[in-house]
């Protein structure tokens, strides 16, 4: 099934070069095997699970396409404003690029 997942412009290059392979959302955006397009390229969801923000920040910032834990938290706070409780639980979507796009 095709699903819609949008990304900030700053993640275009990390998505297209394969360094951003994960996105964390407040709700489930798809299931394993679902596909989505971003910046003209098709990606496939490989796994979805729930994790604490503190764990994501400490261990998965690079997969989120960020340069450090601090960079991840800066992006996070700019999007989620007051949703910064390290114990809060979020939907992690791991994905891979499956076809080059037109972009």
PDB file of N, CA and C in Angstrom:
ATOM      1  N   UNK A   1       0.838  -1.167   0.000  1.00  0.00           N
ATOM      2  CA  UNK A   1       0.000   0.000   0.000  1.00  0.00           C
ATOM      3  C   UNK A   1       0.893   1.243   0.000  1.00  0.00           C
ATOM      4  N   UNK A   2       0.455   2.274  -0.713  1.00  0.00           N
ATOM      5  CA  UNK A   2       1.172   3.548  -0.713  1.00  0.00           C
ATOM      6  C   UNK A   2       0.651   4.403   0.430  1.00  0.00           C
ATOM      7  N   UNK A   3       1.579   4.996   1.171  1.00  0.00           N
ATOM      8  CA  UNK A   3       1.227   5.878   2.284  1.00  0.00           C
ATOM      9  C   UNK A   3       1.913   7.224   2.060  1.00  0.00           C
ATOM     10  N   UNK A   4       1.498   8.210   2.829  1.00  0.00           N
ATOM     11  CA  UNK A   4       2.094   9.543   2.703  1.00  0.00           C
ATOM     12  C   UNK A   4       2.885   9.868   3.971  1.00  0.00           C
ATOM     13  N   UNK A   5       4.151  10.176   3.777  1.00  0.00           N
ATOM     14  CA  UNK A   5       5.011  10.634   4.863  1.00  0.00           C
ATOM     15  C   UNK A   5       5.781  11.835   4.313  1.00  0.00           C
ATOM     16  N   UNK A   6       5.651  12.955   4.962  1.00  0.00           N
ATOM     17  CA  UNK A   6       6.346  14.157   4.487  1.00  0.00           C
ATOM     18  C   UNK A   6       7.605  14.404   5.319  1.00  0.00           C
ATOM     19  N   UNK A   7       8.538  15.123   4.711  1.00  0.00           N
ATOM     20  CA  UNK A   7       9.823  15.399   5.345  1.00  0.00           C
ATOM     21  C   UNK A   7      10.211  16.852   5.145  1.00  0.00           C
ATOM     22  N   UNK A   8      10.947  17.389   6.112  1.00  0.00           N
ATOM     23  CA  UNK A   8      11.503  18.726   5.967  1.00  0.00           C
ATOM     24  C   UNK A   8      12.488  18.744   4.803  1.00  0.00           C
ATOM     25  N   UNK A   9      12.600  19.877   4.151  1.00  0.00           N
ATOM     26  CA  UNK A   9      13.530  20.041   3.028  1.00  0.00           C
ATOM     27  C   UNK A   9      14.968  19.692   3.432  1.00  0.00           C
ATOM     28  N   UNK A  10      15.326  19.959   4.671  1.00  0.00           N
ATOM     29  CA  UNK A  10      16.703  19.677   5.120  1.00  0.00           C
ATOM     30  C   UNK A  10      17.052  18.190   5.041  1.00  0.00           C
ATOM     31  N   UNK A  11      16.029  17.332   4.939  1.00  0.00           N
ATOM     32  CA  UNK A  11      16.282  15.892   4.875  1.00  0.00           C
ATOM     33  C   UNK A  11      16.311  15.339   3.457  1.00  0.00           C
ATOM     34  N   UNK A  12      16.198  16.207   2.467  1.00  0.00           N
ATOM     35  CA  UNK A  12      16.219  15.734   1.077  1.00  0.00           C
ATOM     36  C   UNK A  12      17.509  14.972   0.773  1.00  0.00           C
ATOM     37  N   UNK A  13      18.641  15.611   1.009  1.00  0.00           N
ATOM     38  CA  UNK A  13      19.929  14.971   0.703  1.00  0.00           C
ATOM     39  C   UNK A  13      20.161  13.706   1.532  1.00  0.00           C
ATOM     40  N   UNK A  14      19.945  13.736   2.866  1.00  0.00           N
ATOM     41  CA  UNK A  14      20.127  12.498   3.635  1.00  0.00           C
ATOM     42  C   UNK A  14      19.193  11.358   3.181  1.00  0.00           C
ATOM     43  N   UNK A  15      17.985  11.690   2.764  1.00  0.00           N
ATOM     44  CA  UNK A  15      17.085  10.649   2.254  1.00  0.00           C
ATOM     45  C   UNK A  15      17.620  10.077   0.947  1.00  0.00           C
ATOM     46  N   UNK A  16      17.989  10.953   0.032  1.00  0.00           N
ATOM     47  CA  UNK A  16      18.407  10.505  -1.292  1.00  0.00           C
ATOM     48  C   UNK A  16      19.761   9.804  -1.285  1.00  0.00           C
ATOM     49  N   UNK A  17      20.640  10.168  -0.339  1.00  0.00           N
ATOM     50  CA  UNK A  17      21.941   9.492  -0.302  1.00  0.00           C
ATOM     51  C   UNK A  17      21.964   8.296   0.651  1.00  0.00           C
ATOM     52  N   UNK A  18      20.822   8.017   1.300  1.00  0.00           N
ATOM     53  CA  UNK A  18      20.715   6.818   2.120  1.00  0.00           C
ATOM     54  C   UNK A  18      21.186   6.949   3.552  1.00  0.00           C
ATOM     55  N   UNK A  19      21.495   8.172   4.019  1.00  0.00           N
ATOM     56  CA  UNK A  19      21.914   8.302   5.413  1.00  0.00           C
ATOM     57  C   UNK A  19      20.725   8.473   6.356  1.00  0.00           C
ATOM     58  N   UNK A  20      19.586   8.935   5.834  1.00  0.00           N
ATOM     59  CA  UNK A  20      18.356   8.985   6.649  1.00  0.00           C
ATOM     60  C   UNK A  20      17.540   7.748   6.283  1.00  0.00           C
ATOM     61  N   UNK A  21      17.441   6.837   7.235  1.00  0.00           N
ATOM     62  CA  UNK A  21      16.754   5.562   6.992  1.00  0.00           C
ATOM     63  C   UNK A  21      15.661   5.315   8.024  1.00  0.00           C
ATOM     64  N   UNK A  22      15.264   6.385   8.710  1.00  0.00           N
ATOM     65  CA  UNK A  22      14.299   6.241   9.793  1.00  0.00           C
ATOM     66  C   UNK A  22      13.595   7.567  10.016  1.00  0.00           C
ATOM     67  N   UNK A  23      12.332   7.493  10.425  1.00  0.00           N
ATOM     68  CA  UNK A  23      11.609   8.685  10.846  1.00  0.00           C
ATOM     69  C   UNK A  23      10.734   8.329  12.036  1.00  0.00           C
ATOM     70  N   UNK A  24      10.635   9.242  12.973  1.00  0.00           N
ATOM     71  CA  UNK A  24       9.873   9.031  14.192  1.00  0.00           C
ATOM     72  C   UNK A  24       8.656   9.933  14.175  1.00  0.00           C
ATOM     73  N   UNK A  25       7.489   9.349  14.416  1.00  0.00           N
ATOM     74  CA  UNK A  25       6.236  10.094  14.325  1.00  0.00           C
ATOM     75  C   UNK A  25       5.348   9.820  15.530  1.00  0.00           C
ATOM     76  N   UNK A  26       4.364  10.705  15.728  1.00  0.00           N
ATOM     77  CA  UNK A  26       3.436  10.559  16.847  1.00  0.00           C
ATOM     78  C   UNK A  26       2.418   9.451  16.609  1.00  0.00           C
ATOM     79  N   UNK A  27       2.227   9.085  15.350  1.00  0.00           N
ATOM     80  CA  UNK A  27       1.304   7.996  15.024  1.00  0.00           C
ATOM     81  C   UNK A  27       1.937   7.096  13.974  1.00  0.00           C
ATOM     82  N   UNK A  28       1.408   5.918  13.854  1.00  0.00           N
ATOM     83  CA  UNK A  28       1.883   4.982  12.843  1.00  0.00           C
ATOM     84  C   UNK A  28       1.475   5.517  11.478  1.00  0.00           C
ATOM     85  N   UNK A  29       2.445   5.615  10.582  1.00  0.00           N
ATOM     86  CA  UNK A  29       2.180   6.137   9.237  1.00  0.00           C
ATOM     87  C   UNK A  29       2.066   5.039   8.194  1.00  0.00           C
ATOM     88  N   UNK A  30       2.387   3.819   8.557  1.00  0.00           N
ATOM     89  CA  UNK A  30       2.329   2.713   7.619  1.00  0.00           C
ATOM     90  C   UNK A  30       2.753   1.425   8.285  1.00  0.00           C
ATOM     91  N   UNK A  31       2.803   0.387   7.490  1.00  0.00           N
ATOM     92  CA  UNK A  31       3.147  -0.955   7.953  1.00  0.00           C
ATOM     93  C   UNK A  31       4.305  -1.489   7.134  1.00  0.00           C
ATOM     94  N   UNK A  32       4.954  -2.517   7.631  1.00  0.00           N
ATOM     95  CA  UNK A  32       6.044  -3.164   6.901  1.00  0.00           C
ATOM     96  C   UNK A  32       5.568  -3.507   5.495  1.00  0.00           C
ATOM     97  N   UNK A  33       6.362  -3.111   4.509  1.00  0.00           N
ATOM     98  CA  UNK A  33       6.029  -3.378   3.114  1.00  0.00           C
ATOM     99  C   UNK A  33       5.356  -2.210   2.409  1.00  0.00           C
ATOM    100  N   UNK A  34       4.774  -1.281   3.158  1.00  0.00           N
ATOM    101  CA  UNK A  34       4.165  -0.096   2.545  1.00  0.00           C
ATOM    102  C   UNK A  34       5.253   0.758   1.902  1.00  0.00           C
ATOM    103  N   UNK A  35       4.870   1.524   0.888  1.00  0.00           N
ATOM    104  CA  UNK A  35       5.808   2.419   0.217  1.00  0.00           C
ATOM    105  C   UNK A  35       5.328   3.862   0.335  1.00  0.00           C
ATOM    106  N   UNK A  36       6.282   4.774   0.196  1.00  0.00           N
ATOM    107  CA  UNK A  36       5.963   6.198   0.159  1.00  0.00           C
ATOM    108  C   UNK A  36       6.970   6.890  -0.752  1.00  0.00           C
ATOM    109  N   UNK A  37       6.578   8.041  -1.253  1.00  0.00           N
ATOM    110  CA  UNK A  37       7.461   8.851  -2.083  1.00  0.00           C
ATOM    111  C   UNK A  37       7.909  10.066  -1.300  1.00  0.00           C
ATOM    112  N   UNK A  38       9.172  10.388  -1.450  1.00  0.00           N
ATOM    113  CA  UNK A  38       9.736  11.603  -0.866  1.00  0.00           C
ATOM    114  C   UNK A  38      10.744  12.160  -1.860  1.00  0.00           C
ATOM    115  N   UNK A  39      10.581  13.404  -2.208  1.00  0.00           N
ATOM    116  CA  UNK A  39      11.480  14.067  -3.139  1.00  0.00           C
ATOM    117  C   UNK A  39      11.617  13.269  -4.445  1.00  0.00           C
ATOM    118  N   UNK A  40      10.505  12.709  -4.906  1.00  0.00           N
ATOM    119  CA  UNK A  40      10.470  11.995  -6.172  1.00  0.00           C
ATOM    120  C   UNK A  40      11.043  10.595  -6.152  1.00  0.00           C
ATOM    121  N   UNK A  41      11.417  10.104  -4.993  1.00  0.00           N
ATOM    122  CA  UNK A  41      12.023   8.779  -4.854  1.00  0.00           C
ATOM    123  C   UNK A  41      11.120   7.895  -4.004  1.00  0.00           C
ATOM    124  N   UNK A  42      11.063   6.606  -4.337  1.00  0.00           N
ATOM    125  CA  UNK A  42      10.217   5.671  -3.607  1.00  0.00           C
ATOM    126  C   UNK A  42      11.016   4.950  -2.528  1.00  0.00           C
ATOM    127  N   UNK A  43      10.406   4.867  -1.350  1.00  0.00           N
ATOM    128  CA  UNK A  43      10.991   4.185  -0.194  1.00  0.00           C
ATOM    129  C   UNK A  43      10.010   3.129   0.296  1.00  0.00           C
ATOM    130  N   UNK A  44      10.526   2.094   0.938  1.00  0.00           N
ATOM    131  CA  UNK A  44       9.680   1.035   1.491  1.00  0.00           C
ATOM    132  C   UNK A  44       9.938   0.903   2.986  1.00  0.00           C
ATOM    133  N   UNK A  45       8.849   0.847   3.746  1.00  0.00           N
ATOM    134  CA  UNK A  45       8.957   0.670   5.192  1.00  0.00           C
ATOM    135  C   UNK A  45       9.377  -0.770   5.485  1.00  0.00           C
ATOM    136  N   UNK A  46      10.420  -0.922   6.277  1.00  0.00           N
ATOM    137  CA  UNK A  46      10.938  -2.242   6.637  1.00  0.00           C
ATOM    138  C   UNK A  46      10.501  -2.691   8.020  1.00  0.00           C
ATOM    139  N   UNK A  47      10.219  -1.719   8.883  1.00  0.00           N
ATOM    140  CA  UNK A  47       9.889  -2.058  10.266  1.00  0.00           C
ATOM    141  C   UNK A  47       9.238  -0.846  10.927  1.00  0.00           C
ATOM    142  N   UNK A  48       8.289  -1.101  11.822  1.00  0.00           N
ATOM    143  CA  UNK A  48       7.686  -0.043  12.626  1.00  0.00           C
ATOM    144  C   UNK A  48       7.629  -0.548  14.063  1.00  0.00           C
ATOM    145  N   UNK A  49       8.109   0.255  14.996  1.00  0.00           N
ATOM    146  CA  UNK A  49       8.059  -0.118  16.407  1.00  0.00           C
ATOM    147  C   UNK A  49       7.937   1.146  17.251  1.00  0.00           C
ATOM    148  N   UNK A  50       7.655   0.962  18.514  1.00  0.00           N
ATOM    149  CA  UNK A  50       7.512   2.086  19.442  1.00  0.00           C
ATOM    150  C   UNK A  50       8.752   2.152  20.319  1.00  0.00           C
ATOM    151  N   UNK A  51       9.261   3.388  20.516  1.00  0.00           N
ATOM    152  CA  UNK A  51      10.452   3.579  21.338  1.00  0.00           C
ATOM    153  C   UNK A  51      10.356   4.907  22.074  1.00  0.00           C
ATOM    154  N   UNK A  52      11.108   5.004  23.157  1.00  0.00           N
ATOM    155  CA  UNK A  52      11.159   6.229  23.952  1.00  0.00           C
ATOM    156  C   UNK A  52      12.028   7.271  23.246  1.00  0.00           C
ATOM    157  N   UNK A  53      11.633   8.521  23.374  1.00  0.00           N
ATOM    158  CA  UNK A  53      12.387   9.614  22.771  1.00  0.00           C
ATOM    159  C   UNK A  53      13.845   9.602  23.232  1.00  0.00           C
ATOM    160  N   UNK A  54      14.090   9.299  24.497  1.00  0.00           N
ATOM    161  CA  UNK A  54      15.474   9.274  25.005  1.00  0.00           C
ATOM    162  C   UNK A  54      16.320   8.235  24.275  1.00  0.00           C
ATOM    163  N   UNK A  55      15.753   7.070  23.983  1.00  0.00           N
ATOM    164  CA  UNK A  55      16.476   6.007  23.280  1.00  0.00           C
ATOM    165  C   UNK A  55      16.753   6.418  21.842  1.00  0.00           C
ATOM    166  N   UNK A  56      15.738   6.992  21.195  1.00  0.00           N
ATOM    167  CA  UNK A  56      15.898   7.446  19.810  1.00  0.00           C
ATOM    168  C   UNK A  56      17.001   8.503  19.735  1.00  0.00           C
ATOM    169  N   UNK A  57      16.937   9.461  20.657  1.00  0.00           N
ATOM    170  CA  UNK A  57      17.926  10.551  20.680  1.00  0.00           C
ATOM    171  C   UNK A  57      19.334  10.017  20.877  1.00  0.00           C
ATOM    172  N   UNK A  58      19.498   9.095  21.792  1.00  0.00           N
ATOM    173  CA  UNK A  58      20.838   8.586  22.121  1.00  0.00           C
ATOM    174  C   UNK A  58      21.401   7.615  21.083  1.00  0.00           C
ATOM    175  N   UNK A  59      20.539   6.730  20.556  1.00  0.00           N
ATOM    176  CA  UNK A  59      21.043   5.646  19.712  1.00  0.00           C
ATOM    177  C   UNK A  59      20.668   5.709  18.243  1.00  0.00           C
ATOM    178  N   UNK A  60      19.730   6.550  17.857  1.00  0.00           N
ATOM    179  CA  UNK A  60      19.255   6.525  16.476  1.00  0.00           C
ATOM    180  C   UNK A  60      19.286   7.879  15.763  1.00  0.00           C
ATOM    181  N   UNK A  61      19.967   8.869  16.343  1.00  0.00           N
ATOM    182  CA  UNK A  61      20.015  10.191  15.721  1.00  0.00           C
ATOM    183  C   UNK A  61      20.603  10.149  14.314  1.00  0.00           C
ATOM    184  N   UNK A  62      21.585   9.295  14.094  1.00  0.00           N
ATOM    185  CA  UNK A  62      22.225   9.223  12.771  1.00  0.00           C
ATOM    186  C   UNK A  62      21.247   8.664  11.726  1.00  0.00           C
ATOM    187  N   UNK A  63      20.502   7.625  12.093  1.00  0.00           N
ATOM    188  CA  UNK A  63      19.515   7.059  11.176  1.00  0.00           C
ATOM    189  C   UNK A  63      18.392   8.054  10.878  1.00  0.00           C
ATOM    190  N   UNK A  64      18.215   9.016  11.776  1.00  0.00           N
ATOM    191  CA  UNK A  64      17.227  10.081  11.573  1.00  0.00           C
ATOM    192  C   UNK A  64      17.753  11.154  10.621  1.00  0.00           C
ATOM    193  N   UNK A  65      18.979  10.996  10.150  1.00  0.00           N
ATOM    194  CA  UNK A  65      19.549  11.943   9.199  1.00  0.00           C
ATOM    195  C   UNK A  65      20.170  13.163   9.845  1.00  0.00           C
ATOM    196  N   UNK A  66      20.472  13.063  11.136  1.00  0.00           N
ATOM    197  CA  UNK A  66      21.052  14.192  11.870  1.00  0.00           C
ATOM    198  C   UNK A  66      22.551  13.998  12.064  1.00  0.00           C
ATOM    199  N   UNK A  67      23.215  15.079  12.468  1.00  0.00           N
ATOM    200  CA  UNK A  67      24.670  15.043  12.617  1.00  0.00           C
ATOM    201  C   UNK A  67      25.117  14.742  14.041  1.00  0.00           C
ATOM    202  N   UNK A  68      24.182  14.807  15.005  1.00  0.00           N
ATOM    203  CA  UNK A  68      24.512  14.543  16.405  1.00  0.00           C
ATOM    204  C   UNK A  68      23.215  14.421  17.207  1.00  0.00           C
ATOM    205  N   UNK A  69      23.347  14.017  18.462  1.00  0.00           N
ATOM    206  CA  UNK A  69      22.179  13.991  19.359  1.00  0.00           C
ATOM    207  C   UNK A  69      21.591  15.394  19.481  1.00  0.00           C
ATOM    208  N   UNK A  70      22.467  16.378  19.620  1.00  0.00           N
ATOM    209  CA  UNK A  70      22.011  17.768  19.766  1.00  0.00           C
ATOM    210  C   UNK A  70      21.262  18.239  18.513  1.00  0.00           C
ATOM    211  N   UNK A  71      21.787  17.903  17.346  1.00  0.00           N
ATOM    212  CA  UNK A  71      21.119  18.261  16.093  1.00  0.00           C
ATOM    213  C   UNK A  71      19.734  17.623  16.036  1.00  0.00           C
ATOM    214  N   UNK A  72      19.647  16.343  16.407  1.00  0.00           N
ATOM    215  CA  UNK A  72      18.350  15.666  16.416  1.00  0.00           C
ATOM    216  C   UNK A  72      17.373  16.390  17.339  1.00  0.00           C
ATOM    217  N   UNK A  73      17.808  16.719  18.553  1.00  0.00           N
ATOM    218  CA  UNK A  73      16.909  17.382  19.505  1.00  0.00           C
ATOM    219  C   UNK A  73      16.511  18.781  19.034  1.00  0.00           C
ATOM    220  N   UNK A  74      17.406  19.480  18.357  1.00  0.00           N
ATOM    221  CA  UNK A  74      17.050  20.786  17.815  1.00  0.00           C
ATOM    222  C   UNK A  74      15.954  20.655  16.758  1.00  0.00           C
ATOM    223  N   UNK A  75      16.098  19.687  15.882  1.00  0.00           N
ATOM    224  CA  UNK A  75      15.064  19.437  14.871  1.00  0.00           C
ATOM    225  C   UNK A  75      13.773  19.024  15.567  1.00  0.00           C
ATOM    226  N   UNK A  76      13.889  18.104  16.514  1.00  0.00           N
ATOM    227  CA  UNK A  76      12.714  17.598  17.239  1.00  0.00           C
ATOM    228  C   UNK A  76      11.936  18.743  17.891  1.00  0.00           C
ATOM    229  N   UNK A  77      12.652  19.591  18.608  1.00  0.00           N
ATOM    230  CA  UNK A  77      11.999  20.697  19.319  1.00  0.00           C
ATOM    231  C   UNK A  77      11.387  21.712  18.357  1.00  0.00           C
ATOM    232  N   UNK A  78      11.988  21.886  17.199  1.00  0.00           N
ATOM    233  CA  UNK A  78      11.432  22.827  16.230  1.00  0.00           C
ATOM    234  C   UNK A  78      10.116  22.305  15.646  1.00  0.00           C
ATOM    235  N   UNK A  79       9.959  20.994  15.608  1.00  0.00           N
ATOM    236  CA  UNK A  79       8.742  20.392  15.064  1.00  0.00           C
ATOM    237  C   UNK A  79       7.701  20.166  16.157  1.00  0.00           C
ATOM    238  N   UNK A  80       8.139  19.615  17.280  1.00  0.00           N
ATOM    239  CA  UNK A  80       7.205  19.149  18.310  1.00  0.00           C
ATOM    240  C   UNK A  80       7.019  20.095  19.487  1.00  0.00           C
ATOM    241  N   UNK A  81       7.702  21.215  19.462  1.00  0.00           N
ATOM    242  CA  UNK A  81       7.565  22.255  20.491  1.00  0.00           C
ATOM    243  C   UNK A  81       7.667  21.705  21.918  1.00  0.00           C
ATOM    244  N   UNK A  82       6.548  21.390  22.552  1.00  0.00           N
ATOM    245  CA  UNK A  82       6.553  20.998  23.965  1.00  0.00           C
ATOM    246  C   UNK A  82       6.540  19.487  24.197  1.00  0.00           C
ATOM    247  N   UNK A  83       6.645  18.712  23.152  1.00  0.00           N
ATOM    248  CA  UNK A  83       6.598  17.252  23.296  1.00  0.00           C
ATOM    249  C   UNK A  83       8.022  16.701  23.402  1.00  0.00           C
ATOM    250  N   UNK A  84       8.687  17.039  24.493  1.00  0.00           N
ATOM    251  CA  UNK A  84      10.091  16.680  24.649  1.00  0.00           C
ATOM    252  C   UNK A  84      10.374  15.788  25.849  1.00  0.00           C
ATOM    253  N   UNK A  85       9.357  15.189  26.427  1.00  0.00           N
ATOM    254  CA  UNK A  85       9.564  14.293  27.568  1.00  0.00           C
ATOM    255  C   UNK A  85      10.370  13.090  27.094  1.00  0.00           C
ATOM    256  N   UNK A  86      11.563  12.857  27.644  1.00  0.00           N
ATOM    257  CA  UNK A  86      12.407  11.747  27.186  1.00  0.00           C
ATOM    258  C   UNK A  86      11.750  10.382  27.334  1.00  0.00           C
ATOM    259  N   UNK A  87      10.753  10.278  28.221  1.00  0.00           N
ATOM    260  CA  UNK A  87      10.076   8.993  28.425  1.00  0.00           C
ATOM    261  C   UNK A  87       8.930   8.775  27.442  1.00  0.00           C
ATOM    262  N   UNK A  88       8.567   9.819  26.704  1.00  0.00           N
ATOM    263  CA  UNK A  88       7.429   9.697  25.782  1.00  0.00           C
ATOM    264  C   UNK A  88       7.721   8.652  24.712  1.00  0.00           C
ATOM    265  N   UNK A  89       6.676   7.995  24.265  1.00  0.00           N
ATOM    266  CA  UNK A  89       6.786   6.898  23.305  1.00  0.00           C
ATOM    267  C   UNK A  89       6.350   7.367  21.911  1.00  0.00           C
ATOM    268  N   UNK A  90       7.115   6.950  20.898  1.00  0.00           N
ATOM    269  CA  UNK A  90       6.886   7.388  19.528  1.00  0.00           C
ATOM    270  C   UNK A  90       6.966   6.206  18.566  1.00  0.00           C
ATOM    271  N   UNK A  91       6.370   6.378  17.404  1.00  0.00           N
ATOM    272  CA  UNK A  91       6.379   5.339  16.360  1.00  0.00           C
ATOM    273  C   UNK A  91       7.600   5.540  15.466  1.00  0.00           C
ATOM    274  N   UNK A  92       8.479   4.570  15.474  1.00  0.00           N
ATOM    275  CA  UNK A  92       9.689   4.595  14.665  1.00  0.00           C
ATOM    276  C   UNK A  92       9.423   3.827  13.377  1.00  0.00           C
ATOM    277  N   UNK A  93       9.709   4.458  12.241  1.00  0.00           N
ATOM    278  CA  UNK A  93       9.528   3.845  10.928  1.00  0.00           C
ATOM    279  C   UNK A  93      10.901   3.719  10.270  1.00  0.00           C
ATOM    280  N   UNK A  94      11.378   2.492  10.115  1.00  0.00           N
ATOM    281  CA  UNK A  94      12.645   2.255   9.419  1.00  0.00           C
ATOM    282  C   UNK A  94      12.304   1.950   7.962  1.00  0.00           C
ATOM    283  N   UNK A  95      13.106   2.479   7.044  1.00  0.00           N
ATOM    284  CA  UNK A  95      12.791   2.317   5.618  1.00  0.00           C
ATOM    285  C   UNK A  95      14.058   2.236   4.779  1.00  0.00           C
ATOM    286  N   UNK A  96      13.870   1.858   3.530  1.00  0.00           N
ATOM    287  CA  UNK A  96      14.992   1.818   2.574  1.00  0.00           C
ATOM    288  C   UNK A  96      14.510   2.387   1.244  1.00  0.00           C
ATOM    289  N   UNK A  97      15.459   2.893   0.487  1.00  0.00           N
ATOM    290  CA  UNK A  97      15.162   3.414  -0.839  1.00  0.00           C
ATOM    291  C   UNK A  97      14.980   2.231  -1.784  1.00  0.00           C
ATOM    292  N   UNK A  98      13.907   2.242  -2.578  1.00  0.00           N
ATOM    293  CA  UNK A  98      13.668   1.133  -3.510  1.00  0.00           C
ATOM    294  C   UNK A  98      13.743   1.555  -4.972  1.00  0.00           C
ATOM    295  N   UNK A  99      13.605   2.853  -5.261  1.00  0.00           N
ATOM    296  CA  UNK A  99      13.787   3.301  -6.645  1.00  0.00           C
ATOM    297  C   UNK A  99      14.148   4.765  -6.675  1.00  0.00           C
ATOM    298  N   UNK A 100      15.008   5.087  -7.617  1.00  0.00           N
ATOM    299  CA  UNK A 100      15.418   6.477  -7.817  1.00  0.00           C
ATOM    300  C   UNK A 100      14.237   7.243  -8.392  1.00  0.00           C
ATOM    301  N   UNK A 101      14.206   8.528  -8.081  1.00  0.00           N
ATOM    302  CA  UNK A 101      13.073   9.326  -8.530  1.00  0.00           C
ATOM    303  C   UNK A 101      13.420  10.276  -9.641  1.00  0.00           C
ATOM    304  N   UNK A 102      12.507  11.164  -9.855  1.00  0.00           N
ATOM    305  CA  UNK A 102      12.638  12.161 -10.899  1.00  0.00           C
ATOM    306  C   UNK A 102      13.323  13.417 -10.382  1.00  0.00           C
ATOM    307  N   UNK A 103      13.443  13.491  -9.057  1.00  0.00           N
ATOM    308  CA  UNK A 103      13.962  14.738  -8.461  1.00  0.00           C
ATOM    309  C   UNK A 103      15.443  14.890  -8.659  1.00  0.00           C
TER     310      UNK A 103
END
